């Protein structure tokens, strides 16, 4: 890890640690009450079932979340995921590589992540660029290919030479080396508690 970071020195963003806001019952209740009818995890709960949590129960959840962020281990049941296979468009089900594997974590873990993702919006906005089509609210792969298509179409209409390239990391999540990624994130100001 140290060798990788030394090689990347000067290319890795370095910033002060982003201050996480304190938990609030109002924020937790707002996120719980906005839950939709998405898939449940191995815990047997569906997010929509948590819509009617009381303020007292939300305070109890906050106490749990604070323990986890202070380093107490998450219960093993909350870090295990249910796997669901989603067939990719324009593929056939007889090919195992035609499926996207979706991992569905516990509702407890997903609500914690949703709360903290909202808190990280200013940090994400600090490094987001107009060319980023993931990890930012309101942007996705479709935005990337549409904007690229528009640029290419304009070049074609004005007889301007153009070229394009595509890079895709096959099975991306299996390829990421966690240690350097975590160190780089912490150097860039990502909160240690997360």
Protein backbone atom coordinates (compact mmCIF):
# COMPACT_ATOMS: atom_id res chain seq x y z
CA UNK A 1 0.00 0.00 0.00
CA UNK A 2 2.77 2.43 0.97
CA UNK A 3 4.61 1.75 -2.32
CA UNK A 4 1.44 2.44 -4.32
CA UNK A 5 0.80 5.70 -2.49
CA UNK A 6 4.39 6.87 -2.88
CA UNK A 7 4.15 6.25 -6.62
CA UNK A 8 0.88 8.19 -6.73
CA UNK A 9 2.14 11.09 -4.61
CA UNK A 10 1.10 14.35 -6.15
CA UNK A 11 -1.74 12.62 -7.98
CA UNK A 12 -3.82 11.70 -4.94
CA UNK A 13 -6.10 14.36 -3.50
CA UNK A 14 -5.20 15.25 0.07
CA UNK A 15 -7.70 17.08 2.25
CA UNK A 16 -8.72 17.48 5.87
CA UNK A 17 -11.12 14.86 7.18
CA UNK A 18 -14.71 15.71 6.33
CA UNK A 19 -16.68 16.40 9.52
CA UNK A 20 -19.69 14.14 9.82
CA UNK A 21 -22.75 15.92 11.16
CA UNK A 22 -24.27 14.65 14.38
CA UNK A 23 -27.15 12.23 14.11
CA UNK A 24 -30.63 13.62 14.54
CA UNK A 25 -33.94 11.88 15.17
CA UNK A 26 -35.60 14.10 12.56
CA UNK A 27 -33.13 13.04 9.83
CA UNK A 28 -33.45 9.34 10.67
CA UNK A 29 -37.25 9.53 10.75
CA UNK A 30 -37.35 11.39 7.41
CA UNK A 31 -35.25 8.70 5.72
CA UNK A 32 -37.21 5.86 7.32
CA UNK A 33 -40.54 7.42 6.36
CA UNK A 34 -39.42 7.79 2.74
CA UNK A 35 -38.69 4.06 2.46
CA UNK A 36 -40.04 2.33 -0.60
CA UNK A 37 -41.16 -1.22 -1.19
CA UNK A 38 -37.74 -2.51 -2.24
CA UNK A 39 -36.40 -5.99 -1.61
CA UNK A 40 -35.78 -7.28 1.88
CA UNK A 41 -32.52 -8.71 3.11
CA UNK A 42 -31.72 -11.87 5.03
CA UNK A 43 -32.98 -10.19 8.21
CA UNK A 44 -36.56 -10.78 7.06
CA UNK A 45 -37.40 -7.06 6.96
CA UNK A 46 -38.41 -4.95 3.98
CA UNK A 47 -37.58 -1.22 4.09
CA UNK A 48 -41.24 -0.22 3.85
CA UNK A 49 -41.90 -1.99 7.15
CA UNK A 50 -39.68 0.56 8.93
CA UNK A 51 -41.80 3.56 7.88
CA UNK A 52 -43.68 3.64 11.18
CA UNK A 53 -40.71 3.70 13.53
CA UNK A 54 -41.31 6.03 16.48
CA UNK A 55 -39.00 8.84 17.60
CA UNK A 56 -37.93 6.70 20.59
CA UNK A 57 -37.04 3.81 18.27
CA UNK A 58 -35.17 6.21 15.95
CA UNK A 59 -33.12 7.40 18.96
CA UNK A 60 -32.31 3.75 19.73
CA UNK A 61 -31.16 3.28 16.11
CA UNK A 62 -28.97 6.37 16.42
CA UNK A 63 -27.35 4.88 19.53
CA UNK A 64 -26.60 1.72 17.55
CA UNK A 65 -25.22 3.66 14.57
CA UNK A 66 -22.94 5.68 16.87
CA UNK A 67 -21.57 2.45 18.37
CA UNK A 68 -20.82 1.07 14.91
CA UNK A 69 -19.10 4.30 13.86
CA UNK A 70 -17.00 4.16 17.04
CA UNK A 71 -15.67 0.79 15.97
CA UNK A 72 -18.08 -1.74 17.49
CA UNK A 73 -18.54 -4.58 15.00
CA UNK A 74 -21.79 -4.77 13.10
CA UNK A 75 -23.83 -7.88 13.93
CA UNK A 76 -22.79 -10.64 11.55
CA UNK A 77 -26.37 -10.97 10.33
CA UNK A 78 -26.39 -7.36 9.13
CA UNK A 79 -23.28 -7.71 6.97
CA UNK A 80 -24.43 -10.83 5.14
CA UNK A 81 -26.20 -10.25 1.85
CA UNK A 82 -28.91 -11.98 -0.12
CA UNK A 83 -27.92 -12.54 -3.74
CA UNK A 84 -30.35 -11.97 -6.58
CA UNK A 85 -29.56 -12.53 -10.24
CA UNK A 86 -30.75 -9.94 -12.76
CA UNK A 87 -30.63 -10.84 -16.46
CA UNK A 88 -28.75 -8.21 -18.48
CA UNK A 89 -30.65 -6.66 -21.41
CA UNK A 90 -30.28 -8.35 -24.80
CA UNK A 91 -28.76 -11.52 -23.34
CA UNK A 92 -29.92 -15.08 -22.93
CA UNK A 93 -30.45 -16.86 -19.61
CA UNK A 94 -28.44 -19.90 -20.70
CA UNK A 95 -25.15 -17.97 -20.26
CA UNK A 96 -24.07 -17.47 -16.61
CA UNK A 97 -22.26 -14.25 -17.59
CA UNK A 98 -25.59 -12.79 -18.78
CA UNK A 99 -26.56 -11.99 -15.20
CA UNK A 100 -25.76 -9.13 -12.86
CA UNK A 101 -25.41 -10.30 -9.30
CA UNK A 102 -27.21 -7.95 -6.93
CA UNK A 103 -26.36 -8.14 -3.25
CA UNK A 104 -29.13 -7.06 -0.91
CA UNK A 105 -27.95 -6.20 2.59
CA UNK A 106 -29.97 -5.91 5.77
CA UNK A 107 -32.42 -3.04 6.16
CA UNK A 108 -30.50 -1.79 9.22
CA UNK A 109 -27.27 -1.49 7.22
CA UNK A 110 -29.02 0.05 4.21
CA UNK A 111 -30.71 2.75 6.31
CA UNK A 112 -27.43 3.63 8.01
CA UNK A 113 -25.73 3.91 4.60
CA UNK A 114 -28.57 6.03 3.20
CA UNK A 115 -28.35 8.44 6.13
CA UNK A 116 -24.60 8.83 5.84
CA UNK A 117 -24.68 9.13 2.05
CA UNK A 118 -26.94 12.17 2.47
CA UNK A 119 -24.43 13.60 4.96
CA UNK A 120 -21.58 13.11 2.48
CA UNK A 121 -23.26 15.16 -0.28
CA UNK A 122 -20.97 18.20 0.26
CA UNK A 123 -17.84 16.00 0.15
CA UNK A 124 -19.02 14.28 -3.02
CA UNK A 125 -19.85 17.65 -4.61
CA UNK A 126 -16.29 18.84 -3.88
CA UNK A 127 -14.71 16.24 -6.17
CA UNK A 128 -17.53 15.60 -8.62
CA UNK A 129 -16.90 16.87 -12.13
CA UNK A 130 -19.34 17.27 -15.03
CA UNK A 131 -17.73 14.16 -16.55
CA UNK A 132 -18.63 11.89 -13.63
CA UNK A 133 -21.61 9.68 -14.36
CA UNK A 134 -21.77 7.59 -11.21
CA UNK A 135 -21.63 8.18 -7.46
CA UNK A 136 -23.41 11.51 -7.82
CA UNK A 137 -27.11 12.20 -7.47
CA UNK A 138 -28.98 12.56 -10.74
CA UNK A 139 -26.27 11.07 -12.98
CA UNK A 140 -25.92 7.63 -14.45
CA UNK A 141 -24.51 5.64 -17.35
CA UNK A 142 -27.29 6.87 -19.64
CA UNK A 143 -26.13 10.47 -19.10
CA UNK A 144 -22.63 9.46 -20.16
CA UNK A 145 -23.57 7.81 -23.41
CA UNK A 146 -26.16 10.48 -24.33
CA UNK A 147 -23.72 13.36 -23.80
CA UNK A 148 -21.00 11.51 -25.71
CA UNK A 149 -23.44 10.78 -28.55
CA UNK A 150 -24.32 14.49 -28.76
CA UNK A 151 -20.65 15.47 -28.99
CA UNK A 152 -20.06 12.88 -31.73
CA UNK A 153 -23.20 13.92 -33.61
CA UNK A 154 -22.12 17.58 -33.55
CA UNK A 155 -18.68 16.58 -34.84
CA UNK A 156 -20.28 14.56 -37.62
CA UNK A 157 -22.58 17.43 -38.61
CA UNK A 158 -19.71 19.92 -38.74
CA UNK A 159 -17.30 17.56 -40.53
CA UNK A 160 -14.97 17.63 -37.54
CA UNK A 161 -12.81 14.53 -37.18
CA UNK A 162 -13.53 12.59 -34.00
CA UNK A 163 -12.65 9.38 -32.25
CA UNK A 164 -13.85 7.60 -29.17
CA UNK A 165 -12.83 4.83 -26.89
CA UNK A 166 -14.45 2.69 -24.26
CA UNK A 167 -12.88 1.10 -21.22
CA UNK A 168 -14.73 -1.32 -19.02
CA UNK A 169 -13.31 -3.18 -16.07
CA UNK A 170 -14.66 -6.70 -16.26
CA UNK A 171 -16.02 -7.76 -12.88
CA UNK A 172 -14.90 -4.42 -11.43
CA UNK A 173 -15.64 -5.11 -7.77
CA UNK A 174 -13.49 -8.23 -7.87
CA UNK A 175 -10.55 -6.20 -9.19
CA UNK A 176 -10.36 -3.29 -6.73
CA UNK A 177 -7.54 -3.55 -4.20
CA UNK A 178 -9.22 -2.36 -1.03
CA UNK A 179 -6.17 -1.27 0.98
CA UNK A 180 -4.88 1.42 -1.43
CA UNK A 181 -8.46 2.55 -2.15
CA UNK A 182 -9.19 3.01 1.56
CA UNK A 183 -5.92 4.85 2.20
CA UNK A 184 -6.52 7.14 -0.79
CA UNK A 185 -10.08 7.84 0.42
CA UNK A 186 -8.86 8.73 3.92
CA UNK A 187 -6.12 10.99 2.49
CA UNK A 188 -8.80 12.73 0.41
CA UNK A 189 -10.80 13.51 3.56
CA UNK A 190 -13.24 10.59 3.76
CA UNK A 191 -14.37 10.22 7.38
CA UNK A 192 -12.51 7.52 9.31
CA UNK A 193 -15.71 6.45 11.10
CA UNK A 194 -17.19 5.25 7.83
